[in-house]
Amino acid sequence: MICGIIALLIVVRWLVLFATRFPERTIRDVYPFYRRVEGEVLAGAFRPGPDAEFNAAFGPVEFKRWQSKRIHLGMHLCRDIAANCRLLIGWAAFERNQIGSALPDELKQGLRAFQVSCEHARMAAFAVRFRLRWRLIRMAMIPFLPLPSFNTLMEHSNTLIEFYKSTEVLANALSLGYGEEVHQNMLAVLGTLESSG
């Protein structure tokens, strides 16, 4: 009975989400919904260096509180990246479906590469967020273990940052074809381009 109720709730939720989904995602629908992720904040949130410095300066109790806040910031950034990638995937799908037949093959391949890049960044954000959530659970459930360090997350977070930067670079390049006004609007929301340039 309980499983049936849970299944019914999942189906109802899916139907509501399906019925109220955004109809199509043009370039003009991307930048108003885009969540700006600053490149410096993103790189700083996952940098392992401050761990040892803060622990030495403030002690274990304050370090645990600070590390928890840092993990929450990383999870917040991962949510924003995943949401942005979903927007960009919707835009690329619209472009491929609406004007795909009129595009040259290399532009079709470029749009497909853009979608794949967005999916890579989205999956990397999911993986990093999962690992961060697991760290919070571990800190709460097994408090006597040493606090998790960002050193062990460095490889995954660097991959996430690189995927996301390449996604924003491709979004910037694709928006150039829509005129100066659209390109400037997109440039205003792309946060990693300034720090990489």
C-alpha atoms as a PDB file:
ATOM      1  CA  MET A   1       0.000   0.000   0.000  1.00  0.00           C
ATOM      2  CA  ILE A   2       2.744   2.441   0.972  1.00  0.00           C
ATOM      3  CA  CYS A   3       4.737   1.607  -2.169  1.00  0.00           C
ATOM      4  CA  GLY A   4       1.618   2.253  -4.262  1.00  0.00           C
ATOM      5  CA  ILE A   5       1.115   5.666  -2.651  1.00  0.00           C
ATOM      6  CA  ILE A   6       4.770   6.578  -3.208  1.00  0.00           C
ATOM      7  CA  ALA A   7       4.566   5.455  -6.836  1.00  0.00           C
ATOM      8  CA  LEU A   8       1.360   7.474  -7.307  1.00  0.00           C
ATOM      9  CA  LEU A   9       3.001  10.584  -5.832  1.00  0.00           C
ATOM     10  CA  ILE A  10       5.992  10.166  -8.138  1.00  0.00           C
ATOM     11  CA  VAL A  11       3.723   9.805 -11.184  1.00  0.00           C
ATOM     12  CA  VAL A  12       1.660  12.852 -10.141  1.00  0.00           C
ATOM     13  CA  ARG A  13       4.833  14.902  -9.639  1.00  0.00           C
ATOM     14  CA  TRP A  14       6.149  13.846 -13.040  1.00  0.00           C
ATOM     15  CA  LEU A  15       2.816  14.731 -14.706  1.00  0.00           C
ATOM     16  CA  VAL A  16       2.768  18.155 -13.047  1.00  0.00           C
ATOM     17  CA  LEU A  17       6.345  18.826 -14.142  1.00  0.00           C
ATOM     18  CA  PHE A  18       5.574  17.603 -17.660  1.00  0.00           C
ATOM     19  CA  ALA A  19       2.399  19.706 -17.950  1.00  0.00           C
ATOM     20  CA  THR A  20       4.067  22.865 -16.663  1.00  0.00           C
ATOM     21  CA  ARG A  21       7.414  22.560 -18.479  1.00  0.00           C
ATOM     22  CA  PHE A  22       8.891  25.469 -20.414  1.00  0.00           C
ATOM     23  CA  PRO A  23       7.574  25.129 -23.998  1.00  0.00           C
ATOM     24  CA  GLU A  24      10.772  25.908 -25.904  1.00  0.00           C
ATOM     25  CA  ARG A  25      14.047  27.543 -25.022  1.00  0.00           C
ATOM     26  CA  THR A  26      15.296  30.156 -27.461  1.00  0.00           C
ATOM     27  CA  ILE A  27      18.436  32.222 -26.908  1.00  0.00           C
ATOM     28  CA  ARG A  28      16.284  35.040 -25.536  1.00  0.00           C
ATOM     29  CA  ASP A  29      14.899  32.639 -22.922  1.00  0.00           C
ATOM     30  CA  VAL A  30      18.345  31.607 -21.681  1.00  0.00           C
ATOM     31  CA  TYR A  31      19.956  34.680 -20.158  1.00  0.00           C
ATOM     32  CA  PRO A  32      16.963  35.877 -18.062  1.00  0.00           C
ATOM     33  CA  PHE A  33      16.927  32.508 -16.243  1.00  0.00           C
ATOM     34  CA  TYR A  34      20.687  31.969 -16.158  1.00  0.00           C
ATOM     35  CA  ARG A  35      22.338  31.889 -12.721  1.00  0.00           C
ATOM     36  CA  ARG A  36      25.636  33.723 -12.837  1.00  0.00           C
ATOM     37  CA  VAL A  37      28.478  31.675 -11.377  1.00  0.00           C
ATOM     38  CA  GLU A  38      31.578  33.793 -10.836  1.00  0.00           C
ATOM     39  CA  GLY A  39      34.735  32.051 -11.984  1.00  0.00           C
ATOM     40  CA  GLU A  40      36.804  33.261  -9.019  1.00  0.00           C
ATOM     41  CA  VAL A  41      34.168  32.147  -6.501  1.00  0.00           C
ATOM     42  CA  LEU A  42      33.889  28.759  -8.204  1.00  0.00           C
ATOM     43  CA  ALA A  43      37.652  28.191  -8.165  1.00  0.00           C
ATOM     44  CA  GLY A  44      37.991  29.476  -4.596  1.00  0.00           C
ATOM     45  CA  ALA A  45      35.160  27.325  -3.250  1.00  0.00           C
ATOM     46  CA  PHE A  46      36.972  24.100  -4.107  1.00  0.00           C
ATOM     47  CA  ARG A  47      40.548  25.201  -3.428  1.00  0.00           C
ATOM     48  CA  PRO A  48      42.088  22.925  -0.768  1.00  0.00           C
ATOM     49  CA  GLY A  49      44.626  25.420   0.590  1.00  0.00           C
ATOM     50  CA  PRO A  50      42.462  27.222   3.185  1.00  0.00           C
ATOM     51  CA  ASP A  51      41.647  23.986   5.051  1.00  0.00           C
ATOM     52  CA  ALA A  52      44.924  23.702   6.949  1.00  0.00           C
ATOM     53  CA  GLU A  53      45.260  27.465   7.452  1.00  0.00           C
ATOM     54  CA  PHE A  54      41.811  27.844   8.989  1.00  0.00           C
ATOM     55  CA  ASN A  55      42.188  24.746  11.165  1.00  0.00           C
ATOM     56  CA  ALA A  56      45.521  25.991  12.537  1.00  0.00           C
ATOM     57  CA  ALA A  57      44.192  29.499  13.173  1.00  0.00           C
ATOM     58  CA  PHE A  58      40.805  28.747  14.768  1.00  0.00           C
ATOM     59  CA  GLY A  59      40.826  25.193  16.118  1.00  0.00           C
ATOM     60  CA  PRO A  60      38.723  22.097  15.427  1.00  0.00           C
ATOM     61  CA  VAL A  61      35.264  23.314  16.567  1.00  0.00           C
ATOM     62  CA  GLU A  62      35.320  26.465  14.473  1.00  0.00           C
ATOM     63  CA  PHE A  63      36.958  24.566  11.595  1.00  0.00           C
ATOM     64  CA  LYS A  64      34.098  22.051  11.560  1.00  0.00           C
ATOM     65  CA  ARG A  65      31.524  24.846  11.329  1.00  0.00           C
ATOM     66  CA  TRP A  66      33.523  26.611   8.627  1.00  0.00           C
ATOM     67  CA  GLN A  67      34.057  23.397   6.638  1.00  0.00           C
ATOM     68  CA  SER A  68      30.319  22.699   6.762  1.00  0.00           C
ATOM     69  CA  LYS A  69      29.593  26.167   5.345  1.00  0.00           C
ATOM     70  CA  ARG A  70      32.192  25.616   2.646  1.00  0.00           C
ATOM     71  CA  ILE A  71      30.607  22.319   1.663  1.00  0.00           C
ATOM     72  CA  HIS A  72      27.194  24.019   1.478  1.00  0.00           C
ATOM     73  CA  LEU A  73      28.661  26.721  -0.780  1.00  0.00           C
ATOM     74  CA  GLY A  74      30.097  24.051  -3.072  1.00  0.00           C
ATOM     75  CA  MET A  75      26.725  22.288  -3.242  1.00  0.00           C
ATOM     76  CA  HIS A  76      25.003  25.596  -4.044  1.00  0.00           C
ATOM     77  CA  LEU A  77      27.426  26.256  -6.894  1.00  0.00           C
ATOM     78  CA  CYS A  78      26.884  22.717  -8.225  1.00  0.00           C
ATOM     79  CA  ARG A  79      23.102  23.287  -8.231  1.00  0.00           C
ATOM     80  CA  ASP A  80      23.550  26.542 -10.152  1.00  0.00           C
ATOM     81  CA  ILE A  81      25.855  24.883 -12.688  1.00  0.00           C
ATOM     82  CA  ALA A  82      23.422  22.006 -13.231  1.00  0.00           C
ATOM     83  CA  ALA A  83      20.507  24.441 -13.695  1.00  0.00           C
ATOM     84  CA  ASN A  84      22.512  26.533 -16.166  1.00  0.00           C
ATOM     85  CA  CYS A  85      23.521  23.468 -18.142  1.00  0.00           C
ATOM     86  CA  ARG A  86      19.898  22.345 -18.325  1.00  0.00           C
ATOM     87  CA  LEU A  87      18.984  25.766 -19.769  1.00  0.00           C
ATOM     88  CA  LEU A  88      21.761  25.577 -22.340  1.00  0.00           C
ATOM     89  CA  ILE A  89      20.824  22.028 -23.336  1.00  0.00           C
ATOM     90  CA  GLY A  90      17.237  23.186 -23.917  1.00  0.00           C
ATOM     91  CA  TRP A  91      18.467  26.053 -26.074  1.00  0.00           C
ATOM     92  CA  ALA A  92      20.737  23.796 -28.144  1.00  0.00           C
ATOM     93  CA  ALA A  93      17.907  21.266 -28.605  1.00  0.00           C
ATOM     94  CA  PHE A  94      15.582  24.039 -29.803  1.00  0.00           C
ATOM     95  CA  GLU A  95      18.165  25.265 -32.301  1.00  0.00           C
ATOM     96  CA  ARG A  96      18.791  21.760 -33.633  1.00  0.00           C
ATOM     97  CA  ASN A  97      15.079  20.987 -33.930  1.00  0.00           C
ATOM     98  CA  GLN A  98      13.917  24.308 -35.398  1.00  0.00           C
ATOM     99  CA  ILE A  99      16.635  25.282 -37.810  1.00  0.00           C
ATOM    100  CA  GLY A 100      18.769  22.148 -37.839  1.00  0.00           C
ATOM    101  CA  SER A 101      17.904  21.187 -41.383  1.00  0.00           C
ATOM    102  CA  ALA A 102      18.992  24.610 -42.693  1.00  0.00           C
ATOM    103  CA  LEU A 103      22.332  24.527 -40.901  1.00  0.00           C
ATOM    104  CA  PRO A 104      25.572  23.338 -42.463  1.00  0.00           C
ATOM    105  CA  ASP A 105      26.950  20.061 -41.137  1.00  0.00           C
ATOM    106  CA  GLU A 106      29.752  21.694 -39.156  1.00  0.00           C
ATOM    107  CA  LEU A 107      27.286  23.933 -37.303  1.00  0.00           C
ATOM    108  CA  LYS A 108      25.097  20.905 -36.540  1.00  0.00           C
ATOM    109  CA  GLN A 109      28.148  19.147 -35.149  1.00  0.00           C
ATOM    110  CA  GLY A 110      28.994  22.290 -33.160  1.00  0.00           C
ATOM    111  CA  LEU A 111      25.530  22.330 -31.582  1.00  0.00           C
ATOM    112  CA  ARG A 112      25.815  18.645 -30.777  1.00  0.00           C
ATOM    113  CA  ALA A 113      29.255  19.199 -29.216  1.00  0.00           C
ATOM    114  CA  PHE A 114      27.738  22.061 -27.190  1.00  0.00           C
ATOM    115  CA  GLN A 115      25.000  19.748 -25.879  1.00  0.00           C
ATOM    116  CA  VAL A 116      27.559  17.082 -24.995  1.00  0.00           C
ATOM    117  CA  SER A 117      29.720  19.665 -23.209  1.00  0.00           C
ATOM    118  CA  CYS A 118      26.691  20.816 -21.199  1.00  0.00           C
ATOM    119  CA  GLU A 119      25.864  17.215 -20.267  1.00  0.00           C
ATOM    120  CA  HIS A 120      29.451  16.631 -19.133  1.00  0.00           C
ATOM    121  CA  ALA A 121      29.354  19.724 -16.908  1.00  0.00           C
ATOM    122  CA  ARG A 122      25.939  18.756 -15.562  1.00  0.00           C
ATOM    123  CA  MET A 123      27.044  15.225 -14.677  1.00  0.00           C
ATOM    124  CA  ALA A 124      30.275  16.535 -13.112  1.00  0.00           C
ATOM    125  CA  ALA A 125      28.201  18.929 -10.986  1.00  0.00           C
ATOM    126  CA  PHE A 126      25.980  16.038  -9.910  1.00  0.00           C
ATOM    127  CA  ALA A 127      29.003  13.892  -8.981  1.00  0.00           C
ATOM    128  CA  VAL A 128      30.708  16.657  -6.987  1.00  0.00           C
ATOM    129  CA  ARG A 129      27.457  17.572  -5.245  1.00  0.00           C
ATOM    130  CA  PHE A 130      26.885  13.926  -4.326  1.00  0.00           C
ATOM    131  CA  ARG A 131      30.352  13.699  -2.805  1.00  0.00           C
ATOM    132  CA  LEU A 132      29.828  16.922  -0.870  1.00  0.00           C
ATOM    133  CA  ARG A 133      26.463  15.708   0.445  1.00  0.00           C
ATOM    134  CA  TRP A 134      28.102  12.467   1.540  1.00  0.00           C
ATOM    135  CA  ARG A 135      30.715  14.486   3.455  1.00  0.00           C
ATOM    136  CA  LEU A 136      27.999  16.354   5.326  1.00  0.00           C
ATOM    137  CA  ILE A 137      26.294  13.084   6.222  1.00  0.00           C
ATOM    138  CA  ARG A 138      29.601  11.637   7.391  1.00  0.00           C
ATOM    139  CA  MET A 139      30.326  14.714   9.512  1.00  0.00           C
ATOM    140  CA  ALA A 140      26.908  14.471  11.168  1.00  0.00           C
ATOM    141  CA  MET A 141      26.728  10.696  11.638  1.00  0.00           C
ATOM    142  CA  ILE A 142      30.347   9.900  12.521  1.00  0.00           C
ATOM    143  CA  PRO A 143      31.680  13.027  14.246  1.00  0.00           C
ATOM    144  CA  PHE A 144      34.786  11.334  15.673  1.00  0.00           C
ATOM    145  CA  LEU A 145      36.325  10.799  12.204  1.00  0.00           C
ATOM    146  CA  PRO A 146      38.676  13.494  10.918  1.00  0.00           C
ATOM    147  CA  LEU A 147      36.917  16.239   9.004  1.00  0.00           C
ATOM    148  CA  PRO A 148      36.922  15.770   5.234  1.00  0.00           C
ATOM    149  CA  SER A 149      39.377  17.889   3.327  1.00  0.00           C
ATOM    150  CA  PHE A 150      38.930  19.473  -0.063  1.00  0.00           C
ATOM    151  CA  ASN A 151      42.273  17.891  -1.079  1.00  0.00           C
ATOM    152  CA  THR A 152      40.485  14.636  -1.911  1.00  0.00           C
ATOM    153  CA  LEU A 153      37.954  16.488  -4.083  1.00  0.00           C
ATOM    154  CA  MET A 154      40.468  18.472  -6.104  1.00  0.00           C
ATOM    155  CA  GLU A 155      40.553  16.256  -9.190  1.00  0.00           C
ATOM    156  CA  HIS A 156      36.759  16.115  -9.465  1.00  0.00           C
ATOM    157  CA  SER A 157      36.268  19.811  -8.815  1.00  0.00           C
ATOM    158  CA  ASN A 158      38.938  20.753 -11.378  1.00  0.00           C
ATOM    159  CA  THR A 159      37.154  18.578 -13.946  1.00  0.00           C
ATOM    160  CA  LEU A 160      33.849  20.273 -13.115  1.00  0.00           C
ATOM    161  CA  ILE A 161      35.363  23.736 -13.463  1.00  0.00           C
ATOM    162  CA  GLU A 162      36.989  22.895 -16.811  1.00  0.00           C
ATOM    163  CA  PHE A 163      33.778  21.393 -18.224  1.00  0.00           C
ATOM    164  CA  TYR A 164      31.753  24.386 -17.080  1.00  0.00           C
ATOM    165  CA  LYS A 165      34.247  26.900 -18.468  1.00  0.00           C
ATOM    166  CA  SER A 166      34.211  25.170 -21.857  1.00  0.00           C
ATOM    167  CA  THR A 167      30.409  25.193 -21.796  1.00  0.00           C
ATOM    168  CA  GLU A 168      30.324  28.933 -21.163  1.00  0.00           C
ATOM    169  CA  VAL A 169      32.950  29.561 -23.855  1.00  0.00           C
ATOM    170  CA  LEU A 170      30.815  27.643 -26.372  1.00  0.00           C
ATOM    171  CA  ALA A 171      27.654  29.488 -25.264  1.00  0.00           C
ATOM    172  CA  ASN A 172      29.460  32.779 -25.790  1.00  0.00           C
ATOM    173  CA  ALA A 173      30.637  31.714 -29.250  1.00  0.00           C
ATOM    174  CA  LEU A 174      27.164  30.559 -30.297  1.00  0.00           C
ATOM    175  CA  SER A 175      25.516  33.752 -29.047  1.00  0.00           C
ATOM    176  CA  LEU A 176      27.734  35.800 -31.374  1.00  0.00           C
ATOM    177  CA  GLY A 177      25.519  34.763 -34.279  1.00  0.00           C
ATOM    178  CA  TYR A 178      22.438  36.474 -32.808  1.00  0.00           C
ATOM    179  CA  GLY A 179      23.606  40.065 -32.938  1.00  0.00           C
ATOM    180  CA  GLU A 180      25.381  42.402 -30.571  1.00  0.00           C
ATOM    181  CA  GLU A 181      22.480  42.957 -28.140  1.00  0.00           C
ATOM    182  CA  VAL A 182      21.913  39.240 -27.518  1.00  0.00           C
ATOM    183  CA  HIS A 183      25.641  38.598 -27.290  1.00  0.00           C
ATOM    184  CA  GLN A 184      26.110  41.357 -24.691  1.00  0.00           C
ATOM    185  CA  ASN A 185      23.205  39.999 -22.641  1.00  0.00           C
ATOM    186  CA  MET A 186      24.733  36.520 -22.693  1.00  0.00           C
ATOM    187  CA  LEU A 187      28.177  37.882 -21.882  1.00  0.00           C
ATOM    188  CA  ALA A 188      26.710  39.667 -18.842  1.00  0.00           C
ATOM    189  CA  VAL A 189      25.584  36.362 -17.281  1.00  0.00           C
ATOM    190  CA  LEU A 190      28.575  34.182 -18.173  1.00  0.00           C
ATOM    191  CA  GLY A 191      30.699  34.408 -15.033  1.00  0.00           C
ATOM    192  CA  THR A 192      33.731  32.247 -15.844  1.00  0.00           C
ATOM    193  CA  LEU A 193      34.801  34.096 -18.990  1.00  0.00           C
ATOM    194  CA  GLU A 194      36.196  37.159 -17.201  1.00  0.00           C
ATOM    195  CA  SER A 195      38.361  35.149 -14.830  1.00  0.00           C
ATOM    196  CA  SER A 196      39.761  32.978 -17.616  1.00  0.00           C
ATOM    197  CA  GLY A 197      40.472  35.852 -19.955  1.00  0.00           C
END
